[in-house]
Structure formats: structure tokens, C-alpha cells
Amino acid sequence: MNLFTQGKGDGITFDSKGFSIKDCRINGTGRNFAEYLLEDKIDTRLPLVADYHGTMVNVSFQKINEDKKTVDLYAPVFPGIKYKIASPVTNYVKEFGALIPKGSLKTISRATAF
């Protein structure tokens, strides 16, 4: 289950794969990724979200290194995939609960009771 969806902002692509990123393309224009995030005041508590053939896949931010002008991520990004910053989640608990199929919590609580 994934609460996050792609936001309506910029399309972000990368020319190389990896966990530590220096450069990216914002709507096709080359930029330093750290500078983009800082200058545009991007909320890095929200992940990057990519649409992998209908499945939303999150890539969370670890840190922005302002000295090296790099961005460290908890998962790799890949070339040829368009990422966007996630849309904000207004009520995490409520929205997560809405994704859980009815009756599945009883099954889970019985299975973990032993």
C-alpha cells in the first residue's frame, strides 16, 4: 500500500542511476539537484514518486549535502523514469486506513496474537 502519488509539480529525470545524485533534468532542463531542491524550497519530507507501469514507487530523501551539491537518497533513481515530488498527505492515519481492505485487520490481529 502506498499513500503517495505524484504531485502536479515539475517532472524530474536523471541521466544516471544511483543513491547519491548531483545533476538532474527539471522538465527537460539540466540543473543541479541539490540547488533545485533548496532554491525551490521543496519539502524533502515528501518522497520522489515514479510511475513504474501503474505502480507508484517512492524514493525518500536522506540528506542534501550543500557543500558537495549532492542529494543522498534511501533508494536509487534510474534514467528514463520521470519522478515527481509526492502530493502532500493531509491525514496519514485516515488515508492509510482507507487503503486497508475491510476485514483484513481481524485476520492480521488473529495471526499475530499467537
PDB file of N, CA and C in Angstrom:
ATOM      1  N   MET A   1       0.842  -1.169   0.000  1.00  0.00           N
ATOM      2  CA  MET A   1       0.000   0.000   0.000  1.00  0.00           C
ATOM      3  C   MET A   1       0.891   1.237   0.000  1.00  0.00           C
ATOM      4  N   ASN A   2       0.531   2.176  -0.815  1.00  0.00           N
ATOM      5  CA  ASN A   2       1.321   3.393  -0.933  1.00  0.00           C
ATOM      6  C   ASN A   2       0.385   4.596  -0.908  1.00  0.00           C
ATOM      7  N   LEU A   3       0.547   5.431   0.088  1.00  0.00           N
ATOM      8  CA  LEU A   3      -0.276   6.636   0.193  1.00  0.00           C
ATOM      9  C   LEU A   3       0.133   7.714  -0.788  1.00  0.00           C
ATOM     10  N   PHE A   4       1.356   7.664  -1.238  1.00  0.00           N
ATOM     11  CA  PHE A   4       1.890   8.763  -2.038  1.00  0.00           C
ATOM     12  C   PHE A   4       1.590   8.593  -3.520  1.00  0.00           C
ATOM     13  N   THR A   5       1.248   9.714  -4.134  1.00  0.00           N
ATOM     14  CA  THR A   5       1.043   9.782  -5.581  1.00  0.00           C
ATOM     15  C   THR A   5       1.904  10.925  -6.108  1.00  0.00           C
ATOM     16  N   GLN A   6       2.120  10.932  -7.407  1.00  0.00           N
ATOM     17  CA  GLN A   6       2.882  12.018  -7.995  1.00  0.00           C
ATOM     18  C   GLN A   6       2.112  13.330  -7.863  1.00  0.00           C
ATOM     19  N   GLY A   7       2.827  14.373  -7.424  1.00  0.00           N
ATOM     20  CA  GLY A   7       2.231  15.695  -7.349  1.00  0.00           C
ATOM     21  C   GLY A   7       2.111  16.312  -8.733  1.00  0.00           C
ATOM     22  N   LYS A   8       1.602  17.522  -8.778  1.00  0.00           N
ATOM     23  CA  LYS A   8       1.386  18.207 -10.060  1.00  0.00           C
ATOM     24  C   LYS A   8       2.577  19.061 -10.470  1.00  0.00           C
ATOM     25  N   GLY A   9       3.677  18.984  -9.721  1.00  0.00           N
ATOM     26  CA  GLY A   9       4.827  19.839  -9.994  1.00  0.00           C
ATOM     27  C   GLY A   9       5.698  19.354 -11.132  1.00  0.00           C
ATOM     28  N   ASP A  10       6.942  19.774 -11.078  1.00  0.00           N
ATOM     29  CA  ASP A  10       7.923  19.503 -12.134  1.00  0.00           C
ATOM     30  C   ASP A  10       8.168  18.013 -12.352  1.00  0.00           C
ATOM     31  N   GLY A  11       8.436  17.668 -13.609  1.00  0.00           N
ATOM     32  CA  GLY A  11       8.911  16.337 -13.944  1.00  0.00           C
ATOM     33  C   GLY A  11      10.421  16.312 -13.778  1.00  0.00           C
ATOM     34  N   ILE A  12      10.923  15.329 -13.038  1.00  0.00           N
ATOM     35  CA  ILE A  12      12.352  15.235 -12.729  1.00  0.00           C
ATOM     36  C   ILE A  12      12.883  13.928 -13.303  1.00  0.00           C
ATOM     37  N   THR A  13      13.937  14.020 -14.112  1.00  0.00           N
ATOM     38  CA  THR A  13      14.590  12.831 -14.645  1.00  0.00           C
ATOM     39  C   THR A  13      16.080  12.894 -14.330  1.00  0.00           C
ATOM     40  N   PHE A  14      16.720  11.743 -14.445  1.00  0.00           N
ATOM     41  CA  PHE A  14      18.145  11.618 -14.126  1.00  0.00           C
ATOM     42  C   PHE A  14      18.848  10.921 -15.280  1.00  0.00           C
ATOM     43  N   ASP A  15      20.076  11.340 -15.544  1.00  0.00           N
ATOM     44  CA  ASP A  15      20.855  10.730 -16.625  1.00  0.00           C
ATOM     45  C   ASP A  15      21.625   9.501 -16.154  1.00  0.00           C
ATOM     46  N   SER A  16      21.760   9.344 -14.840  1.00  0.00           N
ATOM     47  CA  SER A  16      22.470   8.188 -14.308  1.00  0.00           C
ATOM     48  C   SER A  16      21.711   7.639 -13.117  1.00  0.00           C
ATOM     49  N   LYS A  17      21.951   6.361 -12.818  1.00  0.00           N
ATOM     50  CA  LYS A  17      21.280   5.741 -11.672  1.00  0.00           C
ATOM     51  C   LYS A  17      22.144   5.913 -10.426  1.00  0.00           C
ATOM     52  N   GLY A  18      21.507   5.819  -9.268  1.00  0.00           N
ATOM     53  CA  GLY A  18      22.288   5.855  -8.046  1.00  0.00           C
ATOM     54  C   GLY A  18      21.532   6.355  -6.833  1.00  0.00           C
ATOM     55  N   PHE A  19      22.209   6.242  -5.697  1.00  0.00           N
ATOM     56  CA  PHE A  19      21.707   6.678  -4.402  1.00  0.00           C
ATOM     57  C   PHE A  19      22.160   8.095  -4.060  1.00  0.00           C
ATOM     58  N   SER A  20      23.194   8.564  -4.718  1.00  0.00           N
ATOM     59  CA  SER A  20      23.720   9.912  -4.487  1.00  0.00           C
ATOM     60  C   SER A  20      23.706  10.639  -5.831  1.00  0.00           C
ATOM     61  N   ILE A  21      22.949  11.727  -5.892  1.00  0.00           N
ATOM     62  CA  ILE A  21      22.689  12.392  -7.163  1.00  0.00           C
ATOM     63  C   ILE A  21      23.208  13.819  -7.138  1.00  0.00           C
ATOM     64  N   LYS A  22      23.864  14.206  -8.217  1.00  0.00           N
ATOM     65  CA  LYS A  22      24.330  15.583  -8.346  1.00  0.00           C
ATOM     66  C   LYS A  22      23.471  16.357  -9.350  1.00  0.00           C
ATOM     67  N   ASP A  23      23.266  15.786 -10.518  1.00  0.00           N
ATOM     68  CA  ASP A  23      22.567  16.508 -11.580  1.00  0.00           C
ATOM     69  C   ASP A  23      21.262  15.818 -11.955  1.00  0.00           C
ATOM     70  N   CYS A  24      20.343  16.621 -12.455  1.00  0.00           N
ATOM     71  CA  CYS A  24      19.053  16.113 -12.893  1.00  0.00           C
ATOM     72  C   CYS A  24      18.559  16.966 -14.045  1.00  0.00           C
ATOM     73  N   ARG A  25      17.409  16.637 -14.553  1.00  0.00           N
ATOM     74  CA  ARG A  25      16.719  17.445 -15.545  1.00  0.00           C
ATOM     75  C   ARG A  25      15.341  17.779 -14.981  1.00  0.00           C
ATOM     76  N   ILE A  26      15.051  19.059 -14.923  1.00  0.00           N
ATOM     77  CA  ILE A  26      13.754  19.534 -14.458  1.00  0.00           C
ATOM     78  C   ILE A  26      12.972  19.957 -15.695  1.00  0.00           C
ATOM     79  N   ASN A  27      11.917  19.215 -15.996  1.00  0.00           N
ATOM     80  CA  ASN A  27      11.132  19.469 -17.214  1.00  0.00           C
ATOM     81  C   ASN A  27      12.036  19.555 -18.449  1.00  0.00           C
ATOM     82  N   GLY A  28      13.079  18.704 -18.471  1.00  0.00           N
ATOM     83  CA  GLY A  28      13.992  18.632 -19.608  1.00  0.00           C
ATOM     84  C   GLY A  28      15.206  19.534 -19.550  1.00  0.00           C
ATOM     85  N   THR A  29      15.250  20.462 -18.580  1.00  0.00           N
ATOM     86  CA  THR A  29      16.372  21.404 -18.469  1.00  0.00           C
ATOM     87  C   THR A  29      17.335  20.931 -17.378  1.00  0.00           C
ATOM     88  N   GLY A  30      18.625  20.852 -17.713  1.00  0.00           N
ATOM     89  CA  GLY A  30      19.633  20.401 -16.762  1.00  0.00           C
ATOM     90  C   GLY A  30      19.793  21.335 -15.572  1.00  0.00           C
ATOM     91  N   ARG A  31      19.858  20.739 -14.366  1.00  0.00           N
ATOM     92  CA  ARG A  31      20.051  21.514 -13.135  1.00  0.00           C
ATOM     93  C   ARG A  31      20.808  20.674 -12.130  1.00  0.00           C
ATOM     94  N   ASN A  32      21.399  21.354 -11.161  1.00  0.00           N
ATOM     95  CA  ASN A  32      21.952  20.656 -10.017  1.00  0.00           C
ATOM     96  C   ASN A  32      20.769  20.322  -9.102  1.00  0.00           C
ATOM     97  N   PHE A  33      20.665  19.053  -8.712  1.00  0.00           N
ATOM     98  CA  PHE A  33      19.505  18.592  -7.957  1.00  0.00           C
ATOM     99  C   PHE A  33      19.414  19.242  -6.575  1.00  0.00           C
ATOM    100  N   ALA A  34      20.545  19.359  -5.878  1.00  0.00           N
ATOM    101  CA  ALA A  34      20.553  19.985  -4.544  1.00  0.00           C
ATOM    102  C   ALA A  34      20.117  21.449  -4.644  1.00  0.00           C
ATOM    103  N   GLU A  35      20.654  22.167  -5.607  1.00  0.00           N
ATOM    104  CA  GLU A  35      20.271  23.580  -5.779  1.00  0.00           C
ATOM    105  C   GLU A  35      18.786  23.715  -6.091  1.00  0.00           C
ATOM    106  N   TYR A  36      18.271  22.842  -6.954  1.00  0.00           N
ATOM    107  CA  TYR A  36      16.847  22.866  -7.283  1.00  0.00           C
ATOM    108  C   TYR A  36      15.998  22.696  -6.025  1.00  0.00           C
ATOM    109  N   LEU A  37      16.317  21.679  -5.221  1.00  0.00           N
ATOM    110  CA  LEU A  37      15.527  21.415  -4.018  1.00  0.00           C
ATOM    111  C   LEU A  37      15.573  22.588  -3.046  1.00  0.00           C
ATOM    112  N   LEU A  38      16.758  23.170  -2.864  1.00  0.00           N
ATOM    113  CA  LEU A  38      16.911  24.281  -1.919  1.00  0.00           C
ATOM    114  C   LEU A  38      16.278  25.564  -2.448  1.00  0.00           C
ATOM    115  N   GLU A  39      16.555  25.908  -3.698  1.00  0.00           N
ATOM    116  CA  GLU A  39      16.046  27.161  -4.270  1.00  0.00           C
ATOM    117  C   GLU A  39      14.520  27.162  -4.399  1.00  0.00           C
ATOM    118  N   ASP A  40      13.959  26.011  -4.732  1.00  0.00           N
ATOM    119  CA  ASP A  40      12.505  25.925  -4.895  1.00  0.00           C
ATOM    120  C   ASP A  40      11.790  25.558  -3.589  1.00  0.00           C
ATOM    121  N   LYS A  41      12.571  25.452  -2.507  1.00  0.00           N
ATOM    122  CA  LYS A  41      12.028  25.145  -1.178  1.00  0.00           C
ATOM    123  C   LYS A  41      11.136  23.893  -1.204  1.00  0.00           C
ATOM    124  N   ILE A  42      11.667  22.836  -1.808  1.00  0.00           N
ATOM    125  CA  ILE A  42      10.959  21.564  -1.905  1.00  0.00           C
ATOM    126  C   ILE A  42      10.948  20.897  -0.532  1.00  0.00           C
ATOM    127  N   ASP A  43       9.797  20.417  -0.110  1.00  0.00           N
ATOM    128  CA  ASP A  43       9.654  19.717   1.171  1.00  0.00           C
ATOM    129  C   ASP A  43      10.174  18.292   0.997  1.00  0.00           C
ATOM    130  N   THR A  44      11.393  18.043   1.447  1.00  0.00           N
ATOM    131  CA  THR A  44      12.013  16.725   1.255  1.00  0.00           C
ATOM    132  C   THR A  44      11.493  15.685   2.244  1.00  0.00           C
ATOM    133  N   ARG A  45      10.508  16.052   3.054  1.00  0.00           N
ATOM    134  CA  ARG A  45       9.816  15.021   3.855  1.00  0.00           C
ATOM    135  C   ARG A  45       8.898  14.210   2.942  1.00  0.00           C
ATOM    136  N   LEU A  46       8.538  14.800   1.799  1.00  0.00           N
ATOM    137  CA  LEU A  46       7.761  14.087   0.792  1.00  0.00           C
ATOM    138  C   LEU A  46       8.742  13.384  -0.147  1.00  0.00           C
ATOM    139  N   PRO A  47       8.460  12.146  -0.544  1.00  0.00           N
ATOM    140  CA  PRO A  47       9.388  11.432  -1.426  1.00  0.00           C
ATOM    141  C   PRO A  47       9.229  11.829  -2.883  1.00  0.00           C
ATOM    142  N   LEU A  48      10.213  11.431  -3.672  1.00  0.00           N
ATOM    143  CA  LEU A  48      10.049  11.409  -5.118  1.00  0.00           C
ATOM    144  C   LEU A  48       9.141  10.221  -5.420  1.00  0.00           C
ATOM    145  N   VAL A  49       8.271  10.350  -6.399  1.00  0.00           N
ATOM    146  CA  VAL A  49       7.396   9.240  -6.763  1.00  0.00           C
ATOM    147  C   VAL A  49       7.518   9.007  -8.263  1.00  0.00           C
ATOM    148  N   ALA A  50       7.725   7.746  -8.630  1.00  0.00           N
ATOM    149  CA  ALA A  50       7.818   7.354 -10.036  1.00  0.00           C
ATOM    150  C   ALA A  50       6.689   6.387 -10.349  1.00  0.00           C
ATOM    151  N   ASP A  51       6.162   6.490 -11.546  1.00  0.00           N
ATOM    152  CA  ASP A  51       5.119   5.579 -12.011  1.00  0.00           C
ATOM    153  C   ASP A  51       5.801   4.472 -12.807  1.00  0.00           C
ATOM    154  N   TYR A  52       5.909   3.290 -12.193  1.00  0.00           N
ATOM    155  CA  TYR A  52       6.502   2.135 -12.854  1.00  0.00           C
ATOM    156  C   TYR A  52       5.364   1.284 -13.415  1.00  0.00           C
ATOM    157  N   HIS A  53       4.888   1.636 -14.591  1.00  0.00           N
ATOM    158  CA  HIS A  53       3.827   0.897 -15.282  1.00  0.00           C
ATOM    159  C   HIS A  53       2.591   0.732 -14.399  1.00  0.00           C
ATOM    160  N   GLY A  54       2.159   1.822 -13.769  1.00  0.00           N
ATOM    161  CA  GLY A  54       0.949   1.817 -12.955  1.00  0.00           C
ATOM    162  C   GLY A  54       1.171   1.633 -11.461  1.00  0.00           C
ATOM    163  N   THR A  55       2.380   1.299 -11.065  1.00  0.00           N
ATOM    164  CA  THR A  55       2.702   1.152  -9.652  1.00  0.00           C
ATOM    165  C   THR A  55       3.523   2.358  -9.216  1.00  0.00           C
ATOM    166  N   MET A  56       3.052   3.046  -8.196  1.00  0.00           N
ATOM    167  CA  MET A  56       3.777   4.205  -7.672  1.00  0.00           C
ATOM    168  C   MET A  56       4.897   3.715  -6.751  1.00  0.00           C
ATOM    169  N   VAL A  57       6.114   4.141  -7.052  1.00  0.00           N
ATOM    170  CA  VAL A  57       7.295   3.734  -6.282  1.00  0.00           C
ATOM    171  C   VAL A  57       7.931   4.985  -5.697  1.00  0.00           C
ATOM    172  N   ASN A  58       8.159   4.960  -4.381  1.00  0.00           N
ATOM    173  CA  ASN A  58       8.717   6.106  -3.665  1.00  0.00           C
ATOM    174  C   ASN A  58      10.223   6.005  -3.532  1.00  0.00           C
ATOM    175  N   VAL A  59      10.865   7.157  -3.580  1.00  0.00           N
ATOM    176  CA  VAL A  59      12.288   7.284  -3.287  1.00  0.00           C
ATOM    177  C   VAL A  59      12.407   8.424  -2.275  1.00  0.00           C
ATOM    178  N   SER A  60      12.753   8.059  -1.040  1.00  0.00           N
ATOM    179  CA  SER A  60      12.825   9.059   0.033  1.00  0.00           C
ATOM    180  C   SER A  60      14.194   9.718   0.089  1.00  0.00           C
ATOM    181  N   PHE A  61      14.167  10.971   0.512  1.00  0.00           N
ATOM    182  CA  PHE A  61      15.394  11.752   0.652  1.00  0.00           C
ATOM    183  C   PHE A  61      16.080  11.417   1.969  1.00  0.00           C
ATOM    184  N   GLN A  62      17.403  11.236   1.911  1.00  0.00           N
ATOM    185  CA  GLN A  62      18.196  11.040   3.119  1.00  0.00           C
ATOM    186  C   GLN A  62      18.752  12.385   3.583  1.00  0.00           C
ATOM    187  N   LYS A  63      19.481  13.069   2.698  1.00  0.00           N
ATOM    188  CA  LYS A  63      20.027  14.386   3.058  1.00  0.00           C
ATOM    189  C   LYS A  63      20.473  15.136   1.811  1.00  0.00           C
ATOM    190  N   ILE A  64      20.533  16.449   1.982  1.00  0.00           N
ATOM    191  CA  ILE A  64      21.106  17.319   0.956  1.00  0.00           C
ATOM    192  C   ILE A  64      22.457  17.770   1.475  1.00  0.00           C
ATOM    193  N   ASN A  65      23.511  17.502   0.705  1.00  0.00           N
ATOM    194  CA  ASN A  65      24.850  17.945   1.075  1.00  0.00           C
ATOM    195  C   ASN A  65      25.122  19.248   0.316  1.00  0.00           C
ATOM    196  N   GLU A  66      24.961  20.362   1.015  1.00  0.00           N
ATOM    197  CA  GLU A  66      25.115  21.668   0.363  1.00  0.00           C
ATOM    198  C   GLU A  66      26.547  21.925  -0.087  1.00  0.00           C
ATOM    199  N   ASP A  67      27.555  21.422   0.645  1.00  0.00           N
ATOM    200  CA  ASP A  67      28.954  21.631   0.263  1.00  0.00           C
ATOM    201  C   ASP A  67      29.307  20.900  -1.030  1.00  0.00           C
ATOM    202  N   LYS A  68      28.900  19.630  -1.133  1.00  0.00           N
ATOM    203  CA  LYS A  68      29.193  18.835  -2.327  1.00  0.00           C
ATOM    204  C   LYS A  68      28.151  19.018  -3.422  1.00  0.00           C
ATOM    205  N   LYS A  69      27.034  19.687  -3.081  1.00  0.00           N
ATOM    206  CA  LYS A  69      25.919  19.877  -4.003  1.00  0.00           C
ATOM    207  C   LYS A  69      25.389  18.542  -4.528  1.00  0.00           C
ATOM    208  N   THR A  70      25.190  17.610  -3.579  1.00  0.00           N
ATOM    209  CA  THR A  70      24.633  16.303  -3.907  1.00  0.00           C
ATOM    210  C   THR A  70      23.410  16.044  -3.037  1.00  0.00           C
ATOM    211  N   VAL A  71      22.609  15.098  -3.470  1.00  0.00           N
ATOM    212  CA  VAL A  71      21.432  14.668  -2.722  1.00  0.00           C
ATOM    213  C   VAL A  71      21.555  13.165  -2.519  1.00  0.00           C
ATOM    214  N   ASP A  72      21.510  12.735  -1.258  1.00  0.00           N
ATOM    215  CA  ASP A  72      21.561  11.314  -0.935  1.00  0.00           C
ATOM    216  C   ASP A  72      20.142  10.805  -0.725  1.00  0.00           C
ATOM    217  N   LEU A  73      19.881   9.627  -1.277  1.00  0.00           N
ATOM    218  CA  LEU A  73      18.553   9.027  -1.253  1.00  0.00           C
ATOM    219  C   LEU A  73      18.595   7.671  -0.559  1.00  0.00           C
ATOM    220  N   TYR A  74      17.439   7.201  -0.073  1.00  0.00           N
ATOM    221  CA  TYR A  74      17.356   5.884   0.568  1.00  0.00           C
ATOM    222  C   TYR A  74      17.139   4.759  -0.434  1.00  0.00           C
ATOM    223  N   ALA A  75      16.865   5.096  -1.683  1.00  0.00           N
ATOM    224  CA  ALA A  75      16.712   4.119  -2.763  1.00  0.00           C
ATOM    225  C   ALA A  75      17.283   4.754  -4.020  1.00  0.00           C
ATOM    226  N   PRO A  76      17.670   3.939  -4.986  1.00  0.00           N
ATOM    227  CA  PRO A  76      18.249   4.527  -6.199  1.00  0.00           C
ATOM    228  C   PRO A  76      17.186   5.111  -7.135  1.00  0.00           C
ATOM    229  N   VAL A  77      17.614   6.075  -7.931  1.00  0.00           N
ATOM    230  CA  VAL A  77      16.811   6.568  -9.052  1.00  0.00           C
ATOM    231  C   VAL A  77      17.420   5.984 -10.322  1.00  0.00           C
ATOM    232  N   PHE A  78      16.631   5.981 -11.394  1.00  0.00           N
ATOM    233  CA  PHE A  78      17.056   5.363 -12.636  1.00  0.00           C
ATOM    234  C   PHE A  78      16.811   6.300 -13.811  1.00  0.00           C
ATOM    235  N   PRO A  79      17.697   6.244 -14.817  1.00  0.00           N
ATOM    236  CA  PRO A  79      17.491   7.055 -16.016  1.00  0.00           C
ATOM    237  C   PRO A  79      16.243   6.582 -16.768  1.00  0.00           C
ATOM    238  N   GLY A  80      15.631   7.509 -17.495  1.00  0.00           N
ATOM    239  CA  GLY A  80      14.483   7.159 -18.309  1.00  0.00           C
ATOM    240  C   GLY A  80      13.165   7.084 -17.559  1.00  0.00           C
ATOM    241  N   ILE A  81      13.186   7.355 -16.263  1.00  0.00           N
ATOM    242  CA  ILE A  81      11.979   7.325 -15.439  1.00  0.00           C
ATOM    243  C   ILE A  81      11.671   8.759 -15.011  1.00  0.00           C
ATOM    244  N   LYS A  82      10.413   9.175 -15.144  1.00  0.00           N
ATOM    245  CA  LYS A  82      10.031  10.518 -14.701  1.00  0.00           C
ATOM    246  C   LYS A  82       9.548  10.451 -13.248  1.00  0.00           C
ATOM    247  N   TYR A  83      10.183  11.252 -12.413  1.00  0.00           N
ATOM    248  CA  TYR A  83       9.834  11.359 -10.998  1.00  0.00           C
ATOM    249  C   TYR A  83       9.152  12.701 -10.768  1.00  0.00           C
ATOM    250  N   LYS A  84       8.325  12.735  -9.745  1.00  0.00           N
ATOM    251  CA  LYS A  84       7.736  13.988  -9.282  1.00  0.00           C
ATOM    252  C   LYS A  84       7.738  13.959  -7.764  1.00  0.00           C
ATOM    253  N   ILE A  85       7.761  15.140  -7.163  1.00  0.00           N
ATOM    254  CA  ILE A  85       7.611  15.208  -5.715  1.00  0.00           C
ATOM    255  C   ILE A  85       6.179  14.778  -5.399  1.00  0.00           C
ATOM    256  N   ALA A  86       6.011  14.001  -4.331  1.00  0.00           N
ATOM    257  CA  ALA A  86       4.697  13.478  -3.956  1.00  0.00           C
ATOM    258  C   ALA A  86       3.730  14.593  -3.580  1.00  0.00           C
ATOM    259  N   SER A  87       2.470  14.325  -3.801  1.00  0.00           N
ATOM    260  CA  SER A  87       1.420  15.206  -3.284  1.00  0.00           C
ATOM    261  C   SER A  87       1.396  15.049  -1.768  1.00  0.00           C
ATOM    262  N   PRO A  88       1.141  16.122  -1.038  1.00  0.00           N
ATOM    263  CA  PRO A  88       1.071  16.011   0.421  1.00  0.00           C
ATOM    264  C   PRO A  88      -0.072  15.089   0.858  1.00  0.00           C
ATOM    265  N   VAL A  89       0.138  14.408   1.971  1.00  0.00           N
ATOM    266  CA  VAL A  89      -0.887  13.572   2.591  1.00  0.00           C
ATOM    267  C   VAL A  89      -1.424  14.368   3.773  1.00  0.00           C
ATOM    268  N   THR A  90      -2.718  14.684   3.751  1.00  0.00           N
ATOM    269  CA  THR A  90      -3.268  15.569   4.779  1.00  0.00           C
ATOM    270  C   THR A  90      -3.525  14.861   6.106  1.00  0.00           C
ATOM    271  N   ASN A  91      -4.021  13.630   6.056  1.00  0.00           N
ATOM    272  CA  ASN A  91      -4.279  12.879   7.288  1.00  0.00           C
ATOM    273  C   ASN A  91      -3.778  11.463   7.074  1.00  0.00           C
ATOM    274  N   TYR A  92      -2.528  11.223   7.448  1.00  0.00           N
ATOM    275  CA  TYR A  92      -1.846   9.964   7.162  1.00  0.00           C
ATOM    276  C   TYR A  92      -2.626   8.764   7.698  1.00  0.00           C
ATOM    277  N   VAL A  93      -3.057   8.828   8.961  1.00  0.00           N
ATOM    278  CA  VAL A  93      -3.736   7.695   9.585  1.00  0.00           C
ATOM    279  C   VAL A  93      -5.050   7.395   8.871  1.00  0.00           C
ATOM    280  N   LYS A  94      -5.836   8.409   8.617  1.00  0.00           N
ATOM    281  CA  LYS A  94      -7.132   8.225   7.957  1.00  0.00           C
ATOM    282  C   LYS A  94      -6.959   7.686   6.538  1.00  0.00           C
ATOM    283  N   GLU A  95      -6.028   8.280   5.786  1.00  0.00           N
ATOM    284  CA  GLU A  95      -5.826   7.856   4.403  1.00  0.00           C
ATOM    285  C   GLU A  95      -5.240   6.449   4.324  1.00  0.00           C
ATOM    286  N   PHE A  96      -4.350   6.097   5.260  1.00  0.00           N
ATOM    287  CA  PHE A  96      -3.789   4.746   5.289  1.00  0.00           C
ATOM    288  C   PHE A  96      -4.882   3.740   5.623  1.00  0.00           C
ATOM    289  N   GLY A  97      -5.717   4.081   6.613  1.00  0.00           N
ATOM    290  CA  GLY A  97      -6.813   3.201   6.995  1.00  0.00           C
ATOM    291  C   GLY A  97      -7.777   2.945   5.847  1.00  0.00           C
ATOM    292  N   ALA A  98      -7.989   3.946   5.015  1.00  0.00           N
ATOM    293  CA  ALA A  98      -8.888   3.794   3.875  1.00  0.00           C
ATOM    294  C   ALA A  98      -8.348   2.814   2.836  1.00  0.00           C
ATOM    295  N   LEU A  99      -7.057   2.598   2.815  1.00  0.00           N
ATOM    296  CA  LEU A  99      -6.453   1.665   1.854  1.00  0.00           C
ATOM    297  C   LEU A  99      -6.516   0.206   2.313  1.00  0.00           C
ATOM    298  N   ILE A 100      -6.743  -0.007   3.603  1.00  0.00           N
ATOM    299  CA  ILE A 100      -6.748  -1.367   4.149  1.00  0.00           C
ATOM    300  C   ILE A 100      -8.079  -2.033   3.797  1.00  0.00           C
ATOM    301  N   PRO A 101      -8.037  -3.187   3.146  1.00  0.00           N
ATOM    302  CA  PRO A 101      -9.283  -3.873   2.781  1.00  0.00           C
ATOM    303  C   PRO A 101     -10.102  -4.227   4.033  1.00  0.00           C
ATOM    304  N   LYS A 102     -11.405  -4.079   3.938  1.00  0.00           N
ATOM    305  CA  LYS A 102     -12.302  -4.377   5.054  1.00  0.00           C
ATOM    306  C   LYS A 102     -12.118  -5.828   5.498  1.00  0.00           C
ATOM    307  N   GLY A 103     -12.045  -6.050   6.800  1.00  0.00           N
ATOM    308  CA  GLY A 103     -11.905  -7.385   7.364  1.00  0.00           C
ATOM    309  C   GLY A 103     -10.480  -7.879   7.496  1.00  0.00           C
ATOM    310  N   SER A 104      -9.520  -7.208   6.845  1.00  0.00           N
ATOM    311  CA  SER A 104      -8.141  -7.699   6.890  1.00  0.00           C
ATOM    312  C   SER A 104      -7.486  -7.467   8.245  1.00  0.00           C
ATOM    313  N   LEU A 105      -7.920  -6.463   9.002  1.00  0.00           N
ATOM    314  CA  LEU A 105      -7.325  -6.209  10.312  1.00  0.00           C
ATOM    315  C   LEU A 105      -7.638  -7.332  11.286  1.00  0.00           C
ATOM    316  N   LYS A 106      -8.810  -7.949  11.204  1.00  0.00           N
ATOM    317  CA  LYS A 106      -9.156  -9.081  12.066  1.00  0.00           C
ATOM    318  C   LYS A 106      -8.213 -10.236  11.787  1.00  0.00           C
ATOM    319  N   THR A 107      -7.968 -10.500  10.514  1.00  0.00           N
ATOM    320  CA  THR A 107      -7.051 -11.570  10.124  1.00  0.00           C
ATOM    321  C   THR A 107      -5.655 -11.310  10.639  1.00  0.00           C
ATOM    322  N   ILE A 108      -5.185 -10.089  10.506  1.00  0.00           N
ATOM    323  CA  ILE A 108      -3.846  -9.739  10.966  1.00  0.00           C
ATOM    324  C   ILE A 108      -3.752  -9.874  12.477  1.00  0.00           C
ATOM    325  N   SER A 109      -4.731  -9.353  13.226  1.00  0.00           N
ATOM    326  CA  SER A 109      -4.642  -9.384  14.673  1.00  0.00           C
ATOM    327  C   SER A 109      -4.740 -10.820  15.189  1.00  0.00           C
ATOM    328  N   ARG A 110      -5.512 -11.706  14.554  1.00  0.00           N
ATOM    329  CA  ARG A 110      -5.562 -13.097  14.967  1.00  0.00           C
ATOM    330  C   ARG A 110      -4.242 -13.808  14.676  1.00  0.00           C
ATOM    331  N   ALA A 111      -3.649 -13.501  13.537  1.00  0.00           N
ATOM    332  CA  ALA A 111      -2.394 -14.156  13.163  1.00  0.00           C
ATOM    333  C   ALA A 111      -1.250 -13.744  14.071  1.00  0.00           C
ATOM    334  N   THR A 112      -1.258 -12.515  14.540  1.00  0.00           N
ATOM    335  CA  THR A 112      -0.155 -12.057  15.390  1.00  0.00           C
ATOM    336  C   THR A 112      -0.431 -12.274  16.872  1.00  0.00           C
ATOM    337  N   ALA A 113      -1.619 -12.787  17.216  1.00  0.00           N
ATOM    338  CA  ALA A 113      -1.962 -12.980  18.623  1.00  0.00           C
ATOM    339  C   ALA A 113      -1.215 -14.158  19.239  1.00  0.00           C
ATOM    340  N   PHE A 114      -0.692 -15.056  18.419  1.00  0.00           N
ATOM    341  CA  PHE A 114      -0.031 -16.244  18.949  1.00  0.00           C
ATOM    342  C   PHE A 114       1.411 -16.039  19.175  1.00  0.00           C
TER     343      PHE A 114
END
